Amino acid sequence: MKFLASLAALALMVIPAKSTARPMVGDLMAEKLYYAEGRQHPGHPLHGSHEGLWAGSDR
């Protein structure tokens, strides 16, 4: 399972998912927030979505 997670993370680094929600936030930060929220799990209601990751951030 860890191998698949590592492989998915590597694929996301090679082919990053672009988000237009906050362009000033880098792709790496977007991926960190995505995984911190648990959105990589297929059962998560926002799986595959980067929307709302920056809600409440003043930066």
PDB file of N, CA and C in Angstrom:
ATOM      1  N   MET A   1       0.822  -1.190   0.000  1.00  0.00           N
ATOM      2  CA  MET A   1       0.000   0.000   0.000  1.00  0.00           C
ATOM      3  C   MET A   1       0.868   1.257   0.000  1.00  0.00           C
ATOM      4  N   LYS A   2       1.953   1.227   0.806  1.00  0.00           N
ATOM      5  CA  LYS A   2       2.845   2.383   0.844  1.00  0.00           C
ATOM      6  C   LYS A   2       3.522   2.579  -0.505  1.00  0.00           C
ATOM      7  N   PHE A   3       3.795   1.467  -1.188  1.00  0.00           N
ATOM      8  CA  PHE A   3       4.413   1.559  -2.507  1.00  0.00           C
ATOM      9  C   PHE A   3       3.495   2.296  -3.474  1.00  0.00           C
ATOM     10  N   LEU A   4       2.211   1.962  -3.445  1.00  0.00           N
ATOM     11  CA  LEU A   4       1.257   2.625  -4.337  1.00  0.00           C
ATOM     12  C   LEU A   4       1.111   4.103  -3.996  1.00  0.00           C
ATOM     13  N   ALA A   5       1.137   4.435  -2.700  1.00  0.00           N
ATOM     14  CA  ALA A   5       1.055   5.839  -2.299  1.00  0.00           C
ATOM     15  C   ALA A   5       2.288   6.598  -2.766  1.00  0.00           C
ATOM     16  N   SER A   6       3.456   5.959  -2.645  1.00  0.00           N
ATOM     17  CA  SER A   6       4.696   6.592  -3.106  1.00  0.00           C
ATOM     18  C   SER A   6       4.676   6.766  -4.616  1.00  0.00           C
ATOM     19  N   LEU A   7       4.187   5.770  -5.315  1.00  0.00           N
ATOM     20  CA  LEU A   7       4.102   5.839  -6.769  1.00  0.00           C
ATOM     21  C   LEU A   7       3.137   6.947  -7.197  1.00  0.00           C
ATOM     22  N   ALA A   8       2.022   7.075  -6.496  1.00  0.00           N
ATOM     23  CA  ALA A   8       1.060   8.135  -6.812  1.00  0.00           C
ATOM     24  C   ALA A   8       1.658   9.512  -6.538  1.00  0.00           C
ATOM     25  N   ALA A   9       2.387   9.640  -5.428  1.00  0.00           N
ATOM     26  CA  ALA A   9       3.026  10.920  -5.107  1.00  0.00           C
ATOM     27  C   ALA A   9       4.064  11.277  -6.160  1.00  0.00           C
ATOM     28  N   LEU A  10       4.827  10.293  -6.610  1.00  0.00           N
ATOM     29  CA  LEU A  10       5.824  10.524  -7.654  1.00  0.00           C
ATOM     30  C   LEU A  10       5.146  10.946  -8.953  1.00  0.00           C
ATOM     31  N   ALA A  11       4.050  10.298  -9.289  1.00  0.00           N
ATOM     32  CA  ALA A  11       3.321  10.656 -10.508  1.00  0.00           C
ATOM     33  C   ALA A  11       2.786  12.082 -10.421  1.00  0.00           C
ATOM     34  N   LEU A  12       2.328  12.483  -9.240  1.00  0.00           N
ATOM     35  CA  LEU A  12       1.819  13.846  -9.071  1.00  0.00           C
ATOM     36  C   LEU A  12       2.928  14.882  -9.183  1.00  0.00           C
ATOM     37  N   MET A  13       4.152  14.496  -8.805  1.00  0.00           N
ATOM     38  CA  MET A  13       5.276  15.425  -8.952  1.00  0.00           C
ATOM     39  C   MET A  13       5.665  15.578 -10.415  1.00  0.00           C
ATOM     40  N   VAL A  14       5.581  14.475 -11.161  1.00  0.00           N
ATOM     41  CA  VAL A  14       5.943  14.501 -12.580  1.00  0.00           C
ATOM     42  C   VAL A  14       4.849  15.177 -13.395  1.00  0.00           C
ATOM     43  N   ILE A  15       3.594  14.864 -13.098  1.00  0.00           N
ATOM     44  CA  ILE A  15       2.444  15.430 -13.801  1.00  0.00           C
ATOM     45  C   ILE A  15       1.587  16.145 -12.758  1.00  0.00           C
ATOM     46  N   PRO A  16       1.955  17.364 -12.374  1.00  0.00           N
ATOM     47  CA  PRO A  16       1.221  18.042 -11.302  1.00  0.00           C
ATOM     48  C   PRO A  16      -0.190  18.444 -11.713  1.00  0.00           C
ATOM     49  N   ALA A  17      -1.088  18.349 -10.773  1.00  0.00           N
ATOM     50  CA  ALA A  17      -2.467  18.799 -10.986  1.00  0.00           C
ATOM     51  C   ALA A  17      -2.517  20.293 -10.709  1.00  0.00           C
ATOM     52  N   LYS A  18      -2.884  21.058 -11.704  1.00  0.00           N
ATOM     53  CA  LYS A  18      -2.937  22.512 -11.549  1.00  0.00           C
ATOM     54  C   LYS A  18      -4.256  22.918 -10.897  1.00  0.00           C
ATOM     55  N   SER A  19      -4.180  23.882 -10.020  1.00  0.00           N
ATOM     56  CA  SER A  19      -5.369  24.418  -9.374  1.00  0.00           C
ATOM     57  C   SER A  19      -5.406  25.918  -9.607  1.00  0.00           C
ATOM     58  N   THR A  20      -6.572  26.435  -9.942  1.00  0.00           N
ATOM     59  CA  THR A  20      -6.709  27.870 -10.186  1.00  0.00           C
ATOM     60  C   THR A  20      -7.276  28.587  -8.969  1.00  0.00           C
ATOM     61  N   ALA A  21      -7.463  27.867  -7.872  1.00  0.00           N
ATOM     62  CA  ALA A  21      -8.067  28.476  -6.692  1.00  0.00           C
ATOM     63  C   ALA A  21      -7.199  29.593  -6.122  1.00  0.00           C
ATOM     64  N   ARG A  22      -5.910  29.369  -5.973  1.00  0.00           N
ATOM     65  CA  ARG A  22      -4.976  30.393  -5.477  1.00  0.00           C
ATOM     66  C   ARG A  22      -3.663  30.211  -6.229  1.00  0.00           C
ATOM     67  N   PRO A  23      -3.485  30.842  -7.366  1.00  0.00           N
ATOM     68  CA  PRO A  23      -2.286  30.635  -8.175  1.00  0.00           C
ATOM     69  C   PRO A  23      -0.989  30.965  -7.455  1.00  0.00           C
ATOM     70  N   MET A  24      -1.020  31.840  -6.418  1.00  0.00           N
ATOM     71  CA  MET A  24       0.219  32.198  -5.743  1.00  0.00           C
ATOM     72  C   MET A  24       0.734  31.074  -4.845  1.00  0.00           C
ATOM     73  N   VAL A  25      -0.094  30.106  -4.533  1.00  0.00           N
ATOM     74  CA  VAL A  25       0.341  28.970  -3.732  1.00  0.00           C
ATOM     75  C   VAL A  25       0.944  27.942  -4.677  1.00  0.00           C
ATOM     76  N   GLY A  26       2.145  27.494  -4.366  1.00  0.00           N
ATOM     77  CA  GLY A  26       2.847  26.569  -5.241  1.00  0.00           C
ATOM     78  C   GLY A  26       2.203  25.200  -5.305  1.00  0.00           C
ATOM     79  N   ASP A  27       2.566  24.466  -6.327  1.00  0.00           N
ATOM     80  CA  ASP A  27       2.033  23.122  -6.515  1.00  0.00           C
ATOM     81  C   ASP A  27       2.392  22.204  -5.351  1.00  0.00           C
ATOM     82  N   LEU A  28       3.605  22.364  -4.804  1.00  0.00           N
ATOM     83  CA  LEU A  28       4.020  21.512  -3.693  1.00  0.00           C
ATOM     84  C   LEU A  28       3.140  21.752  -2.469  1.00  0.00           C
ATOM     85  N   MET A  29       2.848  23.004  -2.179  1.00  0.00           N
ATOM     86  CA  MET A  29       1.980  23.320  -1.038  1.00  0.00           C
ATOM     87  C   MET A  29       0.575  22.773  -1.274  1.00  0.00           C
ATOM     88  N   ALA A  30       0.100  22.865  -2.495  1.00  0.00           N
ATOM     89  CA  ALA A  30      -1.229  22.334  -2.817  1.00  0.00           C
ATOM     90  C   ALA A  30      -1.273  20.830  -2.561  1.00  0.00           C
ATOM     91  N   GLU A  31      -0.233  20.119  -2.955  1.00  0.00           N
ATOM     92  CA  GLU A  31      -0.195  18.672  -2.736  1.00  0.00           C
ATOM     93  C   GLU A  31      -0.094  18.343  -1.251  1.00  0.00           C
ATOM     94  N   LYS A  32       0.685  19.120  -0.500  1.00  0.00           N
ATOM     95  CA  LYS A  32       0.785  18.886   0.948  1.00  0.00           C
ATOM     96  C   LYS A  32      -0.574  19.063   1.612  1.00  0.00           C
ATOM     97  N   LEU A  33      -1.283  20.115   1.250  1.00  0.00           N
ATOM     98  CA  LEU A  33      -2.606  20.358   1.816  1.00  0.00           C
ATOM     99  C   LEU A  33      -3.589  19.267   1.404  1.00  0.00           C
ATOM    100  N   TYR A  34      -3.494  18.816   0.161  1.00  0.00           N
ATOM    101  CA  TYR A  34      -4.367  17.767  -0.364  1.00  0.00           C
ATOM    102  C   TYR A  34      -4.222  16.492   0.469  1.00  0.00           C
ATOM    103  N   TYR A  35      -2.961  16.098   0.724  1.00  0.00           N
ATOM    104  CA  TYR A  35      -2.716  14.884   1.496  1.00  0.00           C
ATOM    105  C   TYR A  35      -3.015  15.084   2.974  1.00  0.00           C
ATOM    106  N   ALA A  36      -2.775  16.279   3.511  1.00  0.00           N
ATOM    107  CA  ALA A  36      -3.078  16.553   4.916  1.00  0.00           C
ATOM    108  C   ALA A  36      -4.577  16.430   5.186  1.00  0.00           C
ATOM    109  N   GLU A  37      -5.388  16.779   4.205  1.00  0.00           N
ATOM    110  CA  GLU A  37      -6.844  16.675   4.331  1.00  0.00           C
ATOM    111  C   GLU A  37      -7.330  15.240   4.145  1.00  0.00           C
ATOM    112  N   GLY A  38      -6.476  14.355   3.621  1.00  0.00           N
ATOM    113  CA  GLY A  38      -6.874  12.970   3.392  1.00  0.00           C
ATOM    114  C   GLY A  38      -7.623  12.765   2.089  1.00  0.00           C
ATOM    115  N   ARG A  39      -7.512  13.724   1.187  1.00  0.00           N
ATOM    116  CA  ARG A  39      -8.271  13.656  -0.066  1.00  0.00           C
ATOM    117  C   ARG A  39      -7.730  12.627  -1.052  1.00  0.00           C
ATOM    118  N   GLN A  40      -6.594  12.016  -0.744  1.00  0.00           N
ATOM    119  CA  GLN A  40      -6.058  11.000  -1.637  1.00  0.00           C
ATOM    120  C   GLN A  40      -6.841   9.692  -1.535  1.00  0.00           C
ATOM    121  N   HIS A  41      -7.654   9.560  -0.492  1.00  0.00           N
ATOM    122  CA  HIS A  41      -8.439   8.345  -0.301  1.00  0.00           C
ATOM    123  C   HIS A  41      -9.725   8.417  -1.127  1.00  0.00           C
ATOM    124  N   PRO A  42     -10.004   7.363  -1.895  1.00  0.00           N
ATOM    125  CA  PRO A  42     -11.196   7.376  -2.755  1.00  0.00           C
ATOM    126  C   PRO A  42     -12.506   7.589  -1.996  1.00  0.00           C
ATOM    127  N   GLY A  43     -12.564   7.252  -0.731  1.00  0.00           N
ATOM    128  CA  GLY A  43     -13.788   7.423   0.039  1.00  0.00           C
ATOM    129  C   GLY A  43     -14.016   8.842   0.546  1.00  0.00           C
ATOM    130  N   HIS A  44     -13.022   9.697   0.409  1.00  0.00           N
ATOM    131  CA  HIS A  44     -13.156  11.083   0.886  1.00  0.00           C
ATOM    132  C   HIS A  44     -14.136  11.825  -0.022  1.00  0.00           C
ATOM    133  N   PRO A  45     -15.052  12.620   0.554  1.00  0.00           N
ATOM    134  CA  PRO A  45     -16.045  13.331  -0.270  1.00  0.00           C
ATOM    135  C   PRO A  45     -15.427  14.270  -1.306  1.00  0.00           C
ATOM    136  N   LEU A  46     -14.237  14.802  -1.042  1.00  0.00           N
ATOM    137  CA  LEU A  46     -13.591  15.728  -1.976  1.00  0.00           C
ATOM    138  C   LEU A  46     -12.395  15.083  -2.684  1.00  0.00           C
ATOM    139  N   HIS A  47     -12.413  13.759  -2.796  1.00  0.00           N
ATOM    140  CA  HIS A  47     -11.330  13.045  -3.482  1.00  0.00           C
ATOM    141  C   HIS A  47     -11.165  13.578  -4.907  1.00  0.00           C
ATOM    142  N   GLY A  48      -9.944  13.938  -5.264  1.00  0.00           N
ATOM    143  CA  GLY A  48      -9.658  14.433  -6.606  1.00  0.00           C
ATOM    144  C   GLY A  48      -9.856  15.929  -6.771  1.00  0.00           C
ATOM    145  N   SER A  49     -10.353  16.598  -5.744  1.00  0.00           N
ATOM    146  CA  SER A  49     -10.618  18.032  -5.832  1.00  0.00           C
ATOM    147  C   SER A  49      -9.636  18.813  -4.965  1.00  0.00           C
ATOM    148  N   HIS A  50      -9.133  19.923  -5.515  1.00  0.00           N
ATOM    149  CA  HIS A  50      -8.252  20.809  -4.753  1.00  0.00           C
ATOM    150  C   HIS A  50      -9.006  22.050  -4.270  1.00  0.00           C
ATOM    151  N   GLU A  51     -10.294  22.109  -4.530  1.00  0.00           N
ATOM    152  CA  GLU A  51     -11.101  23.269  -4.145  1.00  0.00           C
ATOM    153  C   GLU A  51     -11.223  23.358  -2.625  1.00  0.00           C
ATOM    154  N   GLY A  52     -11.130  24.578  -2.113  1.00  0.00           N
ATOM    155  CA  GLY A  52     -11.324  24.821  -0.695  1.00  0.00           C
ATOM    156  C   GLY A  52     -10.133  24.539   0.195  1.00  0.00           C
ATOM    157  N   LEU A  53      -9.009  24.126  -0.373  1.00  0.00           N
ATOM    158  CA  LEU A  53      -7.840  23.823   0.448  1.00  0.00           C
ATOM    159  C   LEU A  53      -7.298  25.060   1.144  1.00  0.00           C
ATOM    160  N   TRP A  54      -7.524  26.228   0.552  1.00  0.00           N
ATOM    161  CA  TRP A  54      -6.960  27.452   1.111  1.00  0.00           C
ATOM    162  C   TRP A  54      -7.995  28.258   1.885  1.00  0.00           C
ATOM    163  N   ALA A  55      -9.143  27.675   2.160  1.00  0.00           N
ATOM    164  CA  ALA A  55     -10.186  28.396   2.891  1.00  0.00           C
ATOM    165  C   ALA A  55      -9.681  28.766   4.284  1.00  0.00           C
ATOM    166  N   GLY A  56      -9.860  30.000   4.658  1.00  0.00           N
ATOM    167  CA  GLY A  56      -9.437  30.471   5.963  1.00  0.00           C
ATOM    168  C   GLY A  56      -8.011  30.967   6.007  1.00  0.00           C
ATOM    169  N   SER A  57      -7.300  30.865   4.907  1.00  0.00           N
ATOM    170  CA  SER A  57      -5.916  31.339   4.846  1.00  0.00           C
ATOM    171  C   SER A  57      -5.904  32.801   4.436  1.00  0.00           C
ATOM    172  N   ASP A  58      -5.172  33.620   5.177  1.00  0.00           N
ATOM    173  CA  ASP A  58      -5.085  35.050   4.867  1.00  0.00           C
ATOM    174  C   ASP A  58      -3.936  35.381   3.934  1.00  0.00           C
ATOM    175  N   ARG A  59      -3.128  34.412   3.597  1.00  0.00           N
ATOM    176  CA  ARG A  59      -1.946  34.674   2.772  1.00  0.00           C
ATOM    177  C   ARG A  59      -2.254  34.711   1.321  1.00  0.00           C
TER     178      ARG A  59
END
